[in-house]
Amino acid sequence: GESLRLSCAASGMSFSLYAMAWYRQAPGKQRDLVATIT
């Protein structure tokens, strides 16, 4: 029920040109897409 905010700081790239995404992976599971932003 609680909340968290994750941050991802990028460097060395033209950030605004990249599509960004969050994935997640639990032990023994595949890495799955959570959300994307173009």
Full PDB file with SEQRES, HELIX, SHEET, SSBOND, CRYST1, ORIGX, SCALE, CONECT and MASTER records, all heavy atoms in Angstrom:
SEQRES   1 A   38  GLY GLU SER LEU ARG LEU SER CYS ALA ALA SER GLY MET          
SEQRES   2 A   38  SER PHE SER LEU TYR ALA MET ALA TRP TYR ARG GLN ALA          
SEQRES   3 A   38  PRO GLY LYS GLN ARG ASP LEU VAL ALA THR ILE THR              
HELIX    1 AA1 PHE A   15  LEU A   17  5                                   3    
SHEET    1 AA1 2 MET A  20  ARG A  24  0                                        
SHEET    2 AA1 2 ASP A  32  ILE A  37 -1                                        
CRYST1    1.000    1.000    1.000  90.00  90.00  90.00 P 1           1          
ORIGX1      1.000000  0.000000  0.000000        0.00000                         
ORIGX2      0.000000  1.000000  0.000000        0.00000                         
ORIGX3      0.000000  0.000000  1.000000        0.00000                         
SCALE1      1.000000  0.000000  0.000000        0.00000                         
SCALE2      0.000000  1.000000  0.000000        0.00000                         
SCALE3      0.000000  0.000000  1.000000        0.00000                         
ATOM      1  N   GLY A   1       0.781  -1.215   0.000  1.00  0.00           N  
ATOM      2  CA  GLY A   1       0.000   0.000   0.000  1.00  0.00           C  
ATOM      3  C   GLY A   1       0.817   1.271   0.000  1.00  0.00           C  
ATOM      4  O   GLY A   1       0.274   2.347  -0.273  1.00  0.00           O  
ATOM      5  N   GLU A   2       2.087   1.166   0.300  1.00  0.00           N  
ATOM      6  CA  GLU A   2       2.949   2.342   0.319  1.00  0.00           C  
ATOM      7  C   GLU A   2       3.458   2.675  -1.073  1.00  0.00           C  
ATOM      8  O   GLU A   2       3.182   1.960  -2.039  1.00  0.00           O  
ATOM      9  CB  GLU A   2       4.103   2.127   1.300  1.00  0.00           C  
ATOM     10  CG  GLU A   2       3.636   2.006   2.741  1.00  0.00           C  
ATOM     11  CD  GLU A   2       4.766   1.874   3.741  1.00  0.00           C  
ATOM     12  OE1 GLU A   2       5.910   1.583   3.333  1.00  0.00           O  
ATOM     13  OE2 GLU A   2       4.509   2.075   4.947  1.00  0.00           O  
ATOM     14  N   SER A   3       4.202   3.758  -1.174  1.00  0.00           N  
ATOM     15  CA  SER A   3       4.673   4.264  -2.458  1.00  0.00           C  
ATOM     16  C   SER A   3       6.179   4.426  -2.473  1.00  0.00           C  
ATOM     17  O   SER A   3       6.823   4.609  -1.430  1.00  0.00           O  
ATOM     18  CB  SER A   3       4.030   5.622  -2.765  1.00  0.00           C  
ATOM     19  OG  SER A   3       2.623   5.532  -2.868  1.00  0.00           O  
ATOM     20  N   LEU A   4       6.729   4.352  -3.665  1.00  0.00           N  
ATOM     21  CA  LEU A   4       8.129   4.641  -3.916  1.00  0.00           C  
ATOM     22  C   LEU A   4       8.240   5.375  -5.241  1.00  0.00           C  
ATOM     23  O   LEU A   4       7.411   5.179  -6.130  1.00  0.00           O  
ATOM     24  CB  LEU A   4       8.973   3.369  -3.999  1.00  0.00           C  
ATOM     25  CG  LEU A   4       9.362   2.631  -2.722  1.00  0.00           C  
ATOM     26  CD1 LEU A   4      10.050   1.323  -3.088  1.00  0.00           C  
ATOM     27  CD2 LEU A   4      10.276   3.490  -1.867  1.00  0.00           C  
ATOM     28  N   ARG A   5       9.267   6.186  -5.369  1.00  0.00           N  
ATOM     29  CA  ARG A   5       9.596   6.783  -6.646  1.00  0.00           C  
ATOM     30  C   ARG A   5      11.015   6.403  -7.017  1.00  0.00           C  
ATOM     31  O   ARG A   5      11.963   6.752  -6.307  1.00  0.00           O  
ATOM     32  CB  ARG A   5       9.454   8.305  -6.635  1.00  0.00           C  
ATOM     33  CG  ARG A   5       9.603   8.907  -8.039  1.00  0.00           C  
ATOM     34  CD  ARG A   5       9.438  10.403  -8.073  1.00  0.00           C  
ATOM     35  NE  ARG A   5      10.595  11.106  -7.553  1.00  0.00           N  
ATOM     36  CZ  ARG A   5      10.900  12.369  -7.840  1.00  0.00           C  
ATOM     37  NH1 ARG A   5      10.106  13.067  -8.656  1.00  0.00           N  
ATOM     38  NH2 ARG A   5      11.965  12.924  -7.297  1.00  0.00           N  
ATOM     39  N   LEU A   6      11.146   5.713  -8.126  1.00  0.00           N  
ATOM     40  CA  LEU A   6      12.450   5.355  -8.644  1.00  0.00           C  
ATOM     41  C   LEU A   6      12.933   6.433  -9.603  1.00  0.00           C  
ATOM     42  O   LEU A   6      12.143   7.024 -10.335  1.00  0.00           O  
ATOM     43  CB  LEU A   6      12.398   4.016  -9.370  1.00  0.00           C  
ATOM     44  CG  LEU A   6      11.829   2.826  -8.603  1.00  0.00           C  
ATOM     45  CD1 LEU A   6      11.926   1.569  -9.457  1.00  0.00           C  
ATOM     46  CD2 LEU A   6      12.539   2.647  -7.272  1.00  0.00           C  
ATOM     47  N   SER A   7      14.228   6.656  -9.594  1.00  0.00           N  
ATOM     48  CA  SER A   7      14.845   7.598 -10.511  1.00  0.00           C  
ATOM     49  C   SER A   7      15.948   6.902 -11.285  1.00  0.00           C  
ATOM     50  O   SER A   7      16.605   5.993 -10.769  1.00  0.00           O  
ATOM     51  CB  SER A   7      15.440   8.794  -9.756  1.00  0.00           C  
ATOM     52  OG  SER A   7      14.447   9.509  -9.059  1.00  0.00           O  
ATOM     53  N   CYS A   8      16.146   7.327 -12.506  1.00  0.00           N  
ATOM     54  CA  CYS A   8      17.228   6.828 -13.334  1.00  0.00           C  
ATOM     55  C   CYS A   8      17.903   8.022 -13.978  1.00  0.00           C  
ATOM     56  O   CYS A   8      17.295   8.697 -14.821  1.00  0.00           O  
ATOM     57  CB  CYS A   8      16.704   5.861 -14.392  1.00  0.00           C  
ATOM     58  SG  CYS A   8      17.931   5.346 -15.616  1.00  0.00           S  
ATOM     59  N   ALA A   9      19.120   8.284 -13.568  1.00  0.00           N  
ATOM     60  CA  ALA A   9      19.881   9.404 -14.088  1.00  0.00           C  
ATOM     61  C   ALA A   9      20.795   8.930 -15.205  1.00  0.00           C  
ATOM     62  O   ALA A   9      21.583   8.003 -15.015  1.00  0.00           O  
ATOM     63  CB  ALA A   9      20.700  10.053 -12.973  1.00  0.00           C  
ATOM     64  N   ALA A  10      20.686   9.568 -16.359  1.00  0.00           N  
ATOM     65  CA  ALA A  10      21.456   9.191 -17.530  1.00  0.00           C  
ATOM     66  C   ALA A  10      22.569  10.190 -17.778  1.00  0.00           C  
ATOM     67  O   ALA A  10      22.414  11.390 -17.542  1.00  0.00           O  
ATOM     68  CB  ALA A  10      20.566   9.100 -18.759  1.00  0.00           C  
ATOM     69  N   SER A  11      23.676   9.685 -18.275  1.00  0.00           N  
ATOM     70  CA  SER A  11      24.785  10.537 -18.661  1.00  0.00           C  
ATOM     71  C   SER A  11      25.484   9.929 -19.863  1.00  0.00           C  
ATOM     72  O   SER A  11      25.406   8.723 -20.099  1.00  0.00           O  
ATOM     73  CB  SER A  11      25.771  10.729 -17.505  1.00  0.00           C  
ATOM     74  OG  SER A  11      26.328   9.486 -17.098  1.00  0.00           O  
ATOM     75  N   GLY A  12      26.158  10.766 -20.628  1.00  0.00           N  
ATOM     76  CA  GLY A  12      26.912  10.288 -21.769  1.00  0.00           C  
ATOM     77  C   GLY A  12      26.074   9.929 -22.979  1.00  0.00           C  
ATOM     78  O   GLY A  12      26.551   9.228 -23.881  1.00  0.00           O  
ATOM     79  N   MET A  13      24.846  10.402 -23.022  1.00  0.00           N  
ATOM     80  CA  MET A  13      23.950  10.100 -24.129  1.00  0.00           C  
ATOM     81  C   MET A  13      23.054  11.290 -24.417  1.00  0.00           C  
ATOM     82  O   MET A  13      22.869  12.159 -23.556  1.00  0.00           O  
ATOM     83  CB  MET A  13      23.097   8.870 -23.816  1.00  0.00           C  
ATOM     84  CG  MET A  13      22.241   9.046 -22.566  1.00  0.00           C  
ATOM     85  SD  MET A  13      21.445   7.526 -21.995  1.00  0.00           S  
ATOM     86  CE  MET A  13      20.089   7.413 -23.154  1.00  0.00           C  
ATOM     87  N   SER A  14      22.502  11.313 -25.613  1.00  0.00           N  
ATOM     88  CA  SER A  14      21.532  12.350 -25.972  1.00  0.00           C  
ATOM     89  C   SER A  14      20.175  11.911 -25.449  1.00  0.00           C  
ATOM     90  O   SER A  14      19.345  11.361 -26.175  1.00  0.00           O  
ATOM     91  CB  SER A  14      21.507  12.563 -27.482  1.00  0.00           C  
ATOM     92  OG  SER A  14      22.758  13.006 -27.960  1.00  0.00           O  
ATOM     93  N   PHE A  15      19.960  12.174 -24.180  1.00  0.00           N  
ATOM     94  CA  PHE A  15      18.843  11.596 -23.440  1.00  0.00           C  
ATOM     95  C   PHE A  15      17.497  11.828 -24.116  1.00  0.00           C  
ATOM     96  O   PHE A  15      16.669  10.922 -24.203  1.00  0.00           O  
ATOM     97  CB  PHE A  15      18.829  12.152 -22.018  1.00  0.00           C  
ATOM     98  CG  PHE A  15      17.695  11.644 -21.183  1.00  0.00           C  
ATOM     99  CD1 PHE A  15      17.768  10.403 -20.581  1.00  0.00           C  
ATOM    100  CD2 PHE A  15      16.558  12.409 -20.995  1.00  0.00           C  
ATOM    101  CE1 PHE A  15      16.728   9.924 -19.806  1.00  0.00           C  
ATOM    102  CE2 PHE A  15      15.509  11.951 -20.221  1.00  0.00           C  
ATOM    103  CZ  PHE A  15      15.594  10.700 -19.627  1.00  0.00           C  
ATOM    104  N   SER A  16      17.262  13.036 -24.580  1.00  0.00           N  
ATOM    105  CA  SER A  16      15.953  13.373 -25.123  1.00  0.00           C  
ATOM    106  C   SER A  16      15.596  12.576 -26.375  1.00  0.00           C  
ATOM    107  O   SER A  16      14.419  12.490 -26.728  1.00  0.00           O  
ATOM    108  CB  SER A  16      15.867  14.869 -25.423  1.00  0.00           C  
ATOM    109  OG  SER A  16      16.796  15.240 -26.426  1.00  0.00           O  
ATOM    110  N   LEU A  17      16.572  11.986 -27.032  1.00  0.00           N  
ATOM    111  CA  LEU A  17      16.330  11.211 -28.238  1.00  0.00           C  
ATOM    112  C   LEU A  17      15.986   9.751 -27.945  1.00  0.00           C  
ATOM    113  O   LEU A  17      15.540   9.039 -28.846  1.00  0.00           O  
ATOM    114  CB  LEU A  17      17.552  11.250 -29.160  1.00  0.00           C  
ATOM    115  CG  LEU A  17      18.004  12.632 -29.642  1.00  0.00           C  
ATOM    116  CD1 LEU A  17      19.237  12.496 -30.524  1.00  0.00           C  
ATOM    117  CD2 LEU A  17      16.883  13.331 -30.389  1.00  0.00           C  
ATOM    118  N   TYR A  18      16.193   9.323 -26.728  1.00  0.00           N  
ATOM    119  CA  TYR A  18      16.031   7.922 -26.369  1.00  0.00           C  
ATOM    120  C   TYR A  18      14.650   7.613 -25.844  1.00  0.00           C  
ATOM    121  O   TYR A  18      14.049   8.408 -25.107  1.00  0.00           O  
ATOM    122  CB  TYR A  18      17.057   7.530 -25.301  1.00  0.00           C  
ATOM    123  CG  TYR A  18      18.427   7.210 -25.841  1.00  0.00           C  
ATOM    124  CD1 TYR A  18      19.216   8.193 -26.411  1.00  0.00           C  
ATOM    125  CD2 TYR A  18      18.923   5.915 -25.771  1.00  0.00           C  
ATOM    126  CE1 TYR A  18      20.471   7.894 -26.910  1.00  0.00           C  
ATOM    127  CE2 TYR A  18      20.180   5.611 -26.258  1.00  0.00           C  
ATOM    128  CZ  TYR A  18      20.948   6.605 -26.825  1.00  0.00           C  
ATOM    129  OH  TYR A  18      22.199   6.302 -27.310  1.00  0.00           O  
ATOM    130  N   ALA A  19      14.151   6.456 -26.233  1.00  0.00           N  
ATOM    131  CA  ALA A  19      13.003   5.882 -25.554  1.00  0.00           C  
ATOM    132  C   ALA A  19      13.504   5.242 -24.269  1.00  0.00           C  
ATOM    133  O   ALA A  19      14.504   4.513 -24.280  1.00  0.00           O  
ATOM    134  CB  ALA A  19      12.312   4.841 -26.426  1.00  0.00           C  
ATOM    135  N   MET A  20      12.845   5.526 -23.174  1.00  0.00           N  
ATOM    136  CA  MET A  20      13.247   5.010 -21.876  1.00  0.00           C  
ATOM    137  C   MET A  20      12.210   4.027 -21.360  1.00  0.00           C  
ATOM    138  O   MET A  20      11.030   4.090 -21.708  1.00  0.00           O  
ATOM    139  CB  MET A  20      13.431   6.148 -20.873  1.00  0.00           C  
ATOM    140  CG  MET A  20      14.416   7.221 -21.314  1.00  0.00           C  
ATOM    141  SD  MET A  20      16.100   6.575 -21.576  1.00  0.00           S  
ATOM    142  CE  MET A  20      16.505   6.017 -19.919  1.00  0.00           C  
ATOM    143  N   ALA A  21      12.666   3.127 -20.515  1.00  0.00           N  
ATOM    144  CA  ALA A  21      11.773   2.113 -19.994  1.00  0.00           C  
ATOM    145  C   ALA A  21      12.237   1.640 -18.633  1.00  0.00           C  
ATOM    146  O   ALA A  21      13.416   1.761 -18.275  1.00  0.00           O  
ATOM    147  CB  ALA A  21      11.679   0.922 -20.950  1.00  0.00           C  
ATOM    148  N   TRP A  22      11.293   1.105 -17.893  1.00  0.00           N  
ATOM    149  CA  TRP A  22      11.584   0.390 -16.668  1.00  0.00           C  
ATOM    150  C   TRP A  22      11.201  -1.077 -16.852  1.00  0.00           C  
ATOM    151  O   TRP A  22      10.106  -1.380 -17.336  1.00  0.00           O  
ATOM    152  CB  TRP A  22      10.819   0.962 -15.474  1.00  0.00           C  
ATOM    153  CG  TRP A  22      11.316   2.293 -15.014  1.00  0.00           C  
ATOM    154  CD1 TRP A  22      10.843   3.515 -15.358  1.00  0.00           C  
ATOM    155  CD2 TRP A  22      12.402   2.514 -14.110  1.00  0.00           C  
ATOM    156  NE1 TRP A  22      11.554   4.502 -14.729  1.00  0.00           N  
ATOM    157  CE2 TRP A  22      12.520   3.918 -13.956  1.00  0.00           C  
ATOM    158  CE3 TRP A  22      13.277   1.686 -13.411  1.00  0.00           C  
ATOM    159  CZ2 TRP A  22      13.491   4.507 -13.131  1.00  0.00           C  
ATOM    160  CZ3 TRP A  22      14.238   2.264 -12.603  1.00  0.00           C  
ATOM    161  CH2 TRP A  22      14.337   3.645 -12.470  1.00  0.00           C  
ATOM    162  N   TYR A  23      12.104  -1.945 -16.493  1.00  0.00           N  
ATOM    163  CA  TYR A  23      11.875  -3.376 -16.453  1.00  0.00           C  
ATOM    164  C   TYR A  23      12.029  -3.857 -15.022  1.00  0.00           C  
ATOM    165  O   TYR A  23      12.629  -3.179 -14.190  1.00  0.00           O  
ATOM    166  CB  TYR A  23      12.883  -4.117 -17.329  1.00  0.00           C  
ATOM    167  CG  TYR A  23      12.692  -3.964 -18.826  1.00  0.00           C  
ATOM    168  CD1 TYR A  23      13.012  -2.778 -19.477  1.00  0.00           C  
ATOM    169  CD2 TYR A  23      12.211  -5.027 -19.586  1.00  0.00           C  
ATOM    170  CE1 TYR A  23      12.855  -2.642 -20.843  1.00  0.00           C  
ATOM    171  CE2 TYR A  23      12.059  -4.903 -20.955  1.00  0.00           C  
ATOM    172  CZ  TYR A  23      12.379  -3.713 -21.576  1.00  0.00           C  
ATOM    173  OH  TYR A  23      12.229  -3.594 -22.939  1.00  0.00           O  
ATOM    174  N   ARG A  24      11.515  -5.043 -14.756  1.00  0.00           N  
ATOM    175  CA  ARG A  24      11.740  -5.635 -13.450  1.00  0.00           C  
ATOM    176  C   ARG A  24      11.957  -7.136 -13.588  1.00  0.00           C  
ATOM    177  O   ARG A  24      11.468  -7.769 -14.513  1.00  0.00           O  
ATOM    178  CB  ARG A  24      10.588  -5.344 -12.487  1.00  0.00           C  
ATOM    179  CG  ARG A  24       9.256  -5.980 -12.853  1.00  0.00           C  
ATOM    180  CD  ARG A  24       8.174  -5.473 -11.899  1.00  0.00           C  
ATOM    181  NE  ARG A  24       6.877  -6.054 -12.187  1.00  0.00           N  
ATOM    182  CZ  ARG A  24       5.750  -5.691 -11.583  1.00  0.00           C  
ATOM    183  NH1 ARG A  24       5.759  -4.736 -10.653  1.00  0.00           N  
ATOM    184  NH2 ARG A  24       4.602  -6.280 -11.910  1.00  0.00           N  
ATOM    185  N   GLN A  25      12.695  -7.665 -12.642  1.00  0.00           N  
ATOM    186  CA  GLN A  25      13.033  -9.078 -12.659  1.00  0.00           C  
ATOM    187  C   GLN A  25      13.060  -9.617 -11.240  1.00  0.00           C  
ATOM    188  O   GLN A  25      13.804  -9.127 -10.395  1.00  0.00           O  
ATOM    189  CB  GLN A  25      14.386  -9.298 -13.331  1.00  0.00           C  
ATOM    190  CG  GLN A  25      14.756 -10.754 -13.518  1.00  0.00           C  
ATOM    191  CD  GLN A  25      15.985 -10.913 -14.395  1.00  0.00           C  
ATOM    192  OE1 GLN A  25      16.816 -10.009 -14.486  1.00  0.00           O  
ATOM    193  NE2 GLN A  25      16.098 -12.053 -15.047  1.00  0.00           N  
ATOM    194  N   ALA A  26      12.234 -10.609 -11.000  1.00  0.00           N  
ATOM    195  CA  ALA A  26      12.230 -11.317  -9.732  1.00  0.00           C  
ATOM    196  C   ALA A  26      13.127 -12.546  -9.856  1.00  0.00           C  
ATOM    197  O   ALA A  26      13.349 -13.053 -10.958  1.00  0.00           O  
ATOM    198  CB  ALA A  26      10.812 -11.723  -9.352  1.00  0.00           C  
ATOM    199  N   PRO A  27      13.641 -13.052  -8.739  1.00  0.00           N  
ATOM    200  CA  PRO A  27      14.509 -14.228  -8.804  1.00  0.00           C  
ATOM    201  C   PRO A  27      13.848 -15.393  -9.523  1.00  0.00           C  
ATOM    202  O   PRO A  27      12.701 -15.737  -9.247  1.00  0.00           O  
ATOM    203  CB  PRO A  27      14.755 -14.558  -7.326  1.00  0.00           C  
ATOM    204  CG  PRO A  27      14.611 -13.250  -6.631  1.00  0.00           C  
ATOM    205  CD  PRO A  27      13.509 -12.538  -7.371  1.00  0.00           C  
ATOM    206  N   GLY A  28      14.583 -15.988 -10.452  1.00  0.00           N  
ATOM    207  CA  GLY A  28      14.075 -17.119 -11.202  1.00  0.00           C  
ATOM    208  C   GLY A  28      13.095 -16.775 -12.294  1.00  0.00           C  
ATOM    209  O   GLY A  28      12.566 -17.680 -12.948  1.00  0.00           O  
ATOM    210  N   LYS A  29      12.845 -15.490 -12.503  1.00  0.00           N  
ATOM    211  CA  LYS A  29      11.896 -15.050 -13.512  1.00  0.00           C  
ATOM    212  C   LYS A  29      12.608 -14.277 -14.610  1.00  0.00           C  
ATOM    213  O   LYS A  29      13.732 -13.823 -14.448  1.00  0.00           O  
ATOM    214  CB  LYS A  29      10.817 -14.163 -12.888  1.00  0.00           C  
ATOM    215  CG  LYS A  29      10.076 -14.779 -11.719  1.00  0.00           C  
ATOM    216  CD  LYS A  29       9.205 -15.935 -12.144  1.00  0.00           C  
ATOM    217  CE  LYS A  29       8.397 -16.462 -10.973  1.00  0.00           C  
ATOM    218  NZ  LYS A  29       7.525 -17.591 -11.375  1.00  0.00           N  
ATOM    219  N   GLN A  30      11.941 -14.142 -15.736  1.00  0.00           N  
ATOM    220  CA  GLN A  30      12.493 -13.344 -16.814  1.00  0.00           C  
ATOM    221  C   GLN A  30      12.345 -11.867 -16.494  1.00  0.00           C  
ATOM    222  O   GLN A  30      11.556 -11.473 -15.635  1.00  0.00           O  
ATOM    223  CB  GLN A  30      11.801 -13.664 -18.137  1.00  0.00           C  
ATOM    224  CG  GLN A  30      10.360 -13.199 -18.232  1.00  0.00           C  
ATOM    225  CD  GLN A  30       9.765 -13.428 -19.605  1.00  0.00           C  
ATOM    226  OE1 GLN A  30      10.252 -14.247 -20.386  1.00  0.00           O  
ATOM    227  NE2 GLN A  30       8.702 -12.707 -19.917  1.00  0.00           N  
ATOM    228  N   ARG A  31      13.126 -11.078 -17.197  1.00  0.00           N  
ATOM    229  CA  ARG A  31      13.031  -9.638 -17.045  1.00  0.00           C  
ATOM    230  C   ARG A  31      11.866  -9.127 -17.882  1.00  0.00           C  
ATOM    231  O   ARG A  31      11.848  -9.301 -19.103  1.00  0.00           O  
ATOM    232  CB  ARG A  31      14.340  -8.975 -17.476  1.00  0.00           C  
ATOM    233  CG  ARG A  31      14.393  -7.485 -17.199  1.00  0.00           C  
ATOM    234  CD  ARG A  31      15.778  -6.913 -17.487  1.00  0.00           C  
ATOM    235  NE  ARG A  31      16.789  -7.487 -16.617  1.00  0.00           N  
ATOM    236  CZ  ARG A  31      18.063  -7.096 -16.610  1.00  0.00           C  
ATOM    237  NH1 ARG A  31      18.480  -6.135 -17.409  1.00  0.00           N  
ATOM    238  NH2 ARG A  31      18.926  -7.686 -15.792  1.00  0.00           N  
ATOM    239  N   ASP A  32      10.910  -8.506 -17.234  1.00  0.00           N  
ATOM    240  CA  ASP A  32       9.684  -8.076 -17.890  1.00  0.00           C  
ATOM    241  C   ASP A  32       9.596  -6.562 -17.958  1.00  0.00           C  
ATOM    242  O   ASP A  32      10.015  -5.852 -17.053  1.00  0.00           O  
ATOM    243  CB  ASP A  32       8.456  -8.601 -17.150  1.00  0.00           C  
ATOM    244  CG  ASP A  32       8.296 -10.100 -17.247  1.00  0.00           C  
ATOM    245  OD1 ASP A  32       8.686 -10.673 -18.280  1.00  0.00           O  
ATOM    246  OD2 ASP A  32       7.768 -10.705 -16.297  1.00  0.00           O  
ATOM    247  N   LEU A  33       9.002  -6.102 -19.029  1.00  0.00           N  
ATOM    248  CA  LEU A  33       8.764  -4.674 -19.206  1.00  0.00           C  
ATOM    249  C   LEU A  33       7.682  -4.204 -18.241  1.00  0.00           C  
ATOM    250  O   LEU A  33       6.635  -4.837 -18.114  1.00  0.00           O  
ATOM    251  CB  LEU A  33       8.342  -4.396 -20.642  1.00  0.00           C  
ATOM    252  CG  LEU A  33       8.014  -2.945 -20.993  1.00  0.00           C  
ATOM    253  CD1 LEU A  33       9.268  -2.082 -20.908  1.00  0.00           C  
ATOM    254  CD2 LEU A  33       7.407  -2.865 -22.391  1.00  0.00           C  
ATOM    255  N   VAL A  34       7.932  -3.085 -17.593  1.00  0.00           N  
ATOM    256  CA  VAL A  34       6.965  -2.471 -16.699  1.00  0.00           C  
ATOM    257  C   VAL A  34       6.289  -1.284 -17.368  1.00  0.00           C  
ATOM    258  O   VAL A  34       5.064  -1.171 -17.379  1.00  0.00           O  
ATOM    259  CB  VAL A  34       7.624  -2.024 -15.385  1.00  0.00           C  
ATOM    260  CG1 VAL A  34       6.618  -1.316 -14.488  1.00  0.00           C  
ATOM    261  CG2 VAL A  34       8.234  -3.221 -14.666  1.00  0.00           C  
ATOM    262  N   ALA A  35       7.087  -0.396 -17.912  1.00  0.00           N  
ATOM    263  CA  ALA A  35       6.560   0.811 -18.536  1.00  0.00           C  
ATOM    264  C   ALA A  35       7.591   1.385 -19.479  1.00  0.00           C  
ATOM    265  O   ALA A  35       8.795   1.222 -19.276  1.00  0.00           O  
ATOM    266  CB  ALA A  35       6.182   1.854 -17.482  1.00  0.00           C  
ATOM    267  N   THR A  36       7.120   2.049 -20.513  1.00  0.00           N  
ATOM    268  CA  THR A  36       7.994   2.736 -21.453  1.00  0.00           C  
ATOM    269  C   THR A  36       7.500   4.154 -21.667  1.00  0.00           C  
ATOM    270  O   THR A  36       6.315   4.447 -21.510  1.00  0.00           O  
ATOM    271  CB  THR A  36       8.061   2.036 -22.818  1.00  0.00           C  
ATOM    272  OG1 THR A  36       6.764   2.045 -23.425  1.00  0.00           O  
ATOM    273  CG2 THR A  36       8.551   0.606 -22.682  1.00  0.00           C  
ATOM    274  N   ILE A  37       8.424   5.000 -22.039  1.00  0.00           N  
ATOM    275  CA  ILE A  37       8.080   6.360 -22.442  1.00  0.00           C  
ATOM    276  C   ILE A  37       8.971   6.724 -23.615  1.00  0.00           C  
ATOM    277  O   ILE A  37      10.189   6.589 -23.563  1.00  0.00           O  
ATOM    278  CB  ILE A  37       8.211   7.360 -21.272  1.00  0.00           C  
ATOM    279  CG1 ILE A  37       7.772   8.757 -21.717  1.00  0.00           C  
ATOM    280  CG2 ILE A  37       9.620   7.362 -20.693  1.00  0.00           C  
ATOM    281  CD1 ILE A  37       7.547   9.714 -20.544  1.00  0.00           C  
ATOM    282  N   THR A  38       8.356   7.144 -24.699  1.00  0.00           N  
ATOM    283  CA  THR A  38       9.101   7.487 -25.896  1.00  0.00           C  
ATOM    284  C   THR A  38       9.701   8.876 -25.779  1.00  0.00           C  
ATOM    285  O   THR A  38       9.424   9.626 -24.841  1.00  0.00           O  
ATOM    286  CB  THR A  38       8.202   7.424 -27.133  1.00  0.00           C  
ATOM    287  OG1 THR A  38       7.246   8.489 -27.080  1.00  0.00           O  
ATOM    288  CG2 THR A  38       7.475   6.094 -27.221  1.00  0.00           C  
TER     289      THR A  38                                                      
MASTER        0    0    0    1    2    0    0    6  288    1    0    3          
END                                                                             
